[in-house]
Amino acid sequence: FDLGIINYHPVITWTVPVAFFFLVLLAGIVFNIGRKSNLIVFILAMLLPVTTVFIFMLLGGKIDMC
């Protein structure tokens, strides 16, 4: 398995997950307005971008191997 995704397309590889992270974080803040802070929702919101990065790494690896 080659992690050539960083050399493959660094702009797309790191811009999309970071933007997605901020969108999820913003959505979490919006949905938490008027409620008590839900730790589970916050943890899920933090885990979502991480899984997105891994998915992009897997997809990028498959695209790079083709």
C-alpha atoms as a PDB file:
ATOM      1  CA  PHE A   1       0.000   0.000   0.000  1.00  0.00           C
ATOM      2  CA  ASP A   2       1.535   3.277  -1.142  1.00  0.00           C
ATOM      3  CA  LEU A   3       0.735   6.525   0.653  1.00  0.00           C
ATOM      4  CA  GLY A   4       1.388   8.529  -2.481  1.00  0.00           C
ATOM      5  CA  ILE A   5      -1.743  10.604  -1.902  1.00  0.00           C
ATOM      6  CA  ILE A   6       0.302  13.430  -0.351  1.00  0.00           C
ATOM      7  CA  ASN A   7       2.276  13.691  -3.595  1.00  0.00           C
ATOM      8  CA  TYR A   8      -0.852  12.933  -5.618  1.00  0.00           C
ATOM      9  CA  HIS A   9      -2.937  16.037  -4.905  1.00  0.00           C
ATOM     10  CA  PRO A  10      -2.005  17.820  -1.642  1.00  0.00           C
ATOM     11  CA  VAL A  11      -4.416  20.714  -2.184  1.00  0.00           C
ATOM     12  CA  ILE A  12      -7.502  18.533  -2.608  1.00  0.00           C
ATOM     13  CA  THR A  13      -6.269  15.984  -0.070  1.00  0.00           C
ATOM     14  CA  TRP A  14      -5.962  18.413   2.821  1.00  0.00           C
ATOM     15  CA  THR A  15      -8.295  21.274   1.886  1.00  0.00           C
ATOM     16  CA  VAL A  16     -11.461  19.174   1.643  1.00  0.00           C
ATOM     17  CA  PRO A  17     -11.172  17.429   5.052  1.00  0.00           C
ATOM     18  CA  VAL A  18     -10.200  20.694   6.769  1.00  0.00           C
ATOM     19  CA  ALA A  19     -13.146  22.527   5.202  1.00  0.00           C
ATOM     20  CA  PHE A  20     -15.402  19.587   6.088  1.00  0.00           C
ATOM     21  CA  PHE A  21     -14.049  19.731   9.663  1.00  0.00           C
ATOM     22  CA  PHE A  22     -14.988  23.397  10.000  1.00  0.00           C
ATOM     23  CA  LEU A  23     -18.426  22.734   8.492  1.00  0.00           C
ATOM     24  CA  VAL A  24     -19.062  19.921  10.989  1.00  0.00           C
ATOM     25  CA  LEU A  25     -17.754  22.078  13.837  1.00  0.00           C
ATOM     26  CA  LEU A  26     -19.998  24.962  12.751  1.00  0.00           C
ATOM     27  CA  ALA A  27     -22.983  22.607  12.468  1.00  0.00           C
ATOM     28  CA  GLY A  28     -22.232  21.290  15.962  1.00  0.00           C
ATOM     29  CA  ILE A  29     -22.159  24.828  17.357  1.00  0.00           C
ATOM     30  CA  VAL A  30     -25.426  25.716  15.603  1.00  0.00           C
ATOM     31  CA  PHE A  31     -27.211  22.574  16.794  1.00  0.00           C
ATOM     32  CA  ASN A  32     -25.918  23.069  20.341  1.00  0.00           C
ATOM     33  CA  ILE A  33     -27.481  26.533  20.621  1.00  0.00           C
ATOM     34  CA  GLY A  34     -30.275  26.484  23.186  1.00  0.00           C
ATOM     35  CA  ARG A  35     -29.223  23.105  24.568  1.00  0.00           C
ATOM     36  CA  LYS A  36     -26.779  21.788  27.099  1.00  0.00           C
ATOM     37  CA  SER A  37     -23.450  20.767  25.594  1.00  0.00           C
ATOM     38  CA  ASN A  38     -23.770  17.201  24.410  1.00  0.00           C
ATOM     39  CA  LEU A  39     -20.419  15.454  24.759  1.00  0.00           C
ATOM     40  CA  ILE A  40     -21.428  12.574  22.481  1.00  0.00           C
ATOM     41  CA  VAL A  41     -22.404  14.939  19.654  1.00  0.00           C
ATOM     42  CA  PHE A  42     -19.130  16.822  20.082  1.00  0.00           C
ATOM     43  CA  ILE A  43     -17.080  13.597  20.017  1.00  0.00           C
ATOM     44  CA  LEU A  44     -18.921  12.431  16.886  1.00  0.00           C
ATOM     45  CA  ALA A  45     -18.335  15.832  15.283  1.00  0.00           C
ATOM     46  CA  MET A  46     -14.619  15.513  16.039  1.00  0.00           C
ATOM     47  CA  LEU A  47     -14.420  11.913  14.781  1.00  0.00           C
ATOM     48  CA  LEU A  48     -16.240  12.641  11.516  1.00  0.00           C
ATOM     49  CA  PRO A  49     -13.416  14.680   9.909  1.00  0.00           C
ATOM     50  CA  VAL A  50     -10.864  12.067  11.033  1.00  0.00           C
ATOM     51  CA  THR A  51     -12.807   9.285   9.311  1.00  0.00           C
ATOM     52  CA  THR A  52     -13.214  11.573   6.297  1.00  0.00           C
ATOM     53  CA  VAL A  53      -9.428  11.972   6.089  1.00  0.00           C
ATOM     54  CA  PHE A  54      -8.990   8.194   6.223  1.00  0.00           C
ATOM     55  CA  ILE A  55     -11.638   7.729   3.517  1.00  0.00           C
ATOM     56  CA  PHE A  56      -9.873  10.283   1.325  1.00  0.00           C
ATOM     57  CA  MET A  57      -6.567   8.497   1.953  1.00  0.00           C
ATOM     58  CA  LEU A  58      -8.111   5.158   0.934  1.00  0.00           C
ATOM     59  CA  LEU A  59      -9.787   6.673  -2.136  1.00  0.00           C
ATOM     60  CA  GLY A  60      -6.618   8.542  -3.059  1.00  0.00           C
ATOM     61  CA  GLY A  61      -4.596   5.350  -2.693  1.00  0.00           C
ATOM     62  CA  LYS A  62      -6.996   3.482  -4.977  1.00  0.00           C
ATOM     63  CA  ILE A  63      -6.957   6.315  -7.519  1.00  0.00           C
ATOM     64  CA  ASP A  64      -3.153   6.460  -7.355  1.00  0.00           C
ATOM     65  CA  MET A  65      -2.828   2.689  -7.858  1.00  0.00           C
ATOM     66  CA  CYS A  66      -5.076   2.703 -10.929  1.00  0.00           C
END
